[in-house]
Amino acid sequence: MSNLPNCPKCNSEYTYEDGSLLVCPECAHEWSPGSSLEVDEDEKVVKDANGNMLRDGDSVTVIKDLKVKGTSSVVKIGTKVKNIRLIDGDHNIDCKIDGFGAMKLKSEFVKKA
C-alpha cells in the first residue's frame, strides 16, 4: 500500500495520484504533493491595488485621498495603516486609523507597506 498524505482540506485518508496531482475522492480537492505552501480555498483572497496578496496583520498605505463618509475630514494619501483585518463585503479591510478611529477600507485604495 502506498504512503500518500491525507487530504489537507477534509483530512480524508482515501487520496490517490492523478498524474502529478493528488486528489481526494470525498471532497474533490486537488493539490500538488510537493507544495508546502497551501492556500486554503476557504480563505479570503484579497489583493491590493498592485496585485499583492494581503493577510490579517499586514500594514498598508493609502494610495488616494479618501473622504470619510458623514464628516468633512479626509484620509490623506500616504497614510500608513497597521495591523489590518480582512473581512467579507464590499469594504474588505477593517482597521484603526490614527486620528479617525475604526474604519473599513476597500483593498483597491491601498498598497502593501
Protein backbone atom coordinates (compact mmCIF):
# COMPACT_ATOMS: atom_id res chain seq x y z
CA MET A 1 0.00 0.00 0.00
CA SER A 2 1.34 3.47 -0.88
CA ASN A 3 2.05 6.14 1.70
CA LEU A 4 0.05 9.11 0.40
CA PRO A 5 -0.72 12.03 2.71
CA ASN A 6 -4.24 12.74 3.96
CA CYS A 7 -6.28 15.43 2.24
CA PRO A 8 -5.33 18.89 3.61
CA LYS A 9 -8.92 20.09 3.24
CA CYS A 10 -11.04 17.31 4.78
CA ASN A 11 -8.30 15.04 6.23
CA SER A 12 -9.56 12.01 4.28
CA GLU A 13 -7.17 9.09 4.05
CA TYR A 14 -8.52 7.92 0.67
CA THR A 15 -6.31 10.11 -1.55
CA TYR A 16 -4.92 8.97 -4.88
CA GLU A 17 -2.48 10.18 -7.51
CA ASP A 18 -3.71 11.59 -10.82
CA GLY A 19 -0.71 12.48 -12.95
CA SER A 20 1.33 14.99 -10.96
CA LEU A 21 -1.52 15.88 -8.58
CA LEU A 22 -3.02 14.23 -5.53
CA VAL A 23 -6.83 14.01 -5.43
CA CYS A 24 -9.32 13.46 -2.63
CA PRO A 25 -12.38 11.48 -3.79
CA GLU A 26 -14.51 12.69 -0.87
CA CYS A 27 -14.23 16.48 -1.30
CA ALA A 28 -12.68 16.64 -4.83
CA HIS A 29 -9.74 18.75 -3.58
CA GLU A 30 -6.64 18.60 -5.80
CA TRP A 31 -3.11 19.62 -4.74
CA SER A 32 0.48 19.02 -5.74
CA PRO A 33 2.36 16.75 -3.34
CA GLY A 34 5.50 18.93 -3.17
CA SER A 35 3.79 22.19 -2.30
CA SER A 36 4.29 23.08 1.34
CA LEU A 37 2.59 26.48 1.00
CA GLU A 38 -1.06 25.56 0.53
CA VAL A 39 -3.63 28.31 0.01
CA ASP A 40 -6.82 27.24 1.69
CA GLU A 41 -9.76 27.53 -0.69
CA ASP A 42 -11.98 28.78 2.14
CA GLU A 43 -9.52 31.59 2.93
CA LYS A 44 -10.40 35.03 1.61
CA VAL A 45 -8.11 36.16 -1.21
CA VAL A 46 -7.75 39.93 -1.02
CA LYS A 47 -5.31 41.80 -3.23
CA ASP A 48 -4.12 45.41 -3.01
CA ALA A 49 -4.02 47.93 -5.86
CA ASN A 50 -0.75 46.41 -7.15
CA GLY A 51 -1.96 42.82 -7.04
CA ASN A 52 -0.09 41.79 -3.87
CA MET A 53 -1.93 39.37 -1.61
CA LEU A 54 -3.00 40.84 1.74
CA ARG A 55 -3.27 38.93 5.01
CA ASP A 56 -4.51 39.68 8.50
CA GLY A 57 -1.97 41.76 10.43
CA ASP A 58 -0.34 43.37 7.37
CA SER A 59 0.45 47.07 7.15
CA VAL A 60 -0.85 49.05 4.18
CA THR A 61 -0.53 52.58 2.79
CA VAL A 62 -3.45 54.59 1.39
CA ILE A 63 -2.83 55.49 -2.29
CA LYS A 64 -5.64 58.03 -2.75
CA ASP A 65 -7.27 60.76 -0.66
CA LEU A 66 -10.39 59.15 0.81
CA LYS A 67 -13.36 61.16 2.04
CA VAL A 68 -14.76 59.89 5.33
CA LYS A 69 -18.50 59.42 4.98
CA GLY A 70 -20.52 61.55 7.35
CA THR A 71 -17.72 64.01 8.10
CA SER A 72 -15.76 66.69 6.28
CA SER A 73 -12.41 65.03 7.04
CA VAL A 74 -10.19 63.16 4.57
CA VAL A 75 -7.76 60.25 4.97
CA LYS A 76 -4.72 61.63 3.14
CA ILE A 77 -2.66 59.80 0.55
CA GLY A 78 0.34 58.09 2.15
CA THR A 79 -1.40 57.36 5.47
CA LYS A 80 0.04 54.14 6.89
CA VAL A 81 -2.41 51.70 8.45
CA LYS A 82 -1.03 48.93 10.68
CA ASN A 83 -2.49 45.58 11.68
CA ILE A 84 -5.39 45.24 9.21
CA ARG A 85 -8.11 42.59 9.40
CA LEU A 86 -9.69 41.08 6.30
CA ILE A 87 -13.48 40.78 6.27
CA ASP A 88 -16.21 39.86 3.82
CA GLY A 89 -18.08 42.53 1.94
CA ASP A 90 -17.51 45.48 -0.36
CA HIS A 91 -15.16 47.21 2.10
CA ASN A 92 -12.95 44.21 2.80
CA ILE A 93 -10.37 45.73 5.20
CA ASP A 94 -11.21 46.54 8.82
CA CYS A 95 -8.67 48.73 10.60
CA LYS A 96 -7.99 51.58 13.02
CA ILE A 97 -6.50 54.78 11.61
CA ASP A 98 -4.79 57.23 13.94
CA GLY A 99 -6.93 60.36 14.24
CA PHE A 100 -10.00 58.67 12.72
CA GLY A 101 -10.63 55.50 14.73
CA ALA A 102 -12.18 52.29 13.44
CA MET A 103 -12.78 52.28 9.72
CA LYS A 104 -13.41 49.96 6.78
CA LEU A 105 -11.45 50.38 3.55
CA LYS A 106 -11.57 48.91 0.07
CA SER A 107 -8.46 46.98 -0.89
CA GLU A 108 -8.29 48.77 -4.27
CA PHE A 109 -7.28 52.01 -2.49
CA VAL A 110 -4.31 50.62 -0.53
CA LYS A 111 -0.93 49.10 -1.26
CA LYS A 112 1.04 46.72 0.92
CA ALA A 113 3.66 48.55 3.00
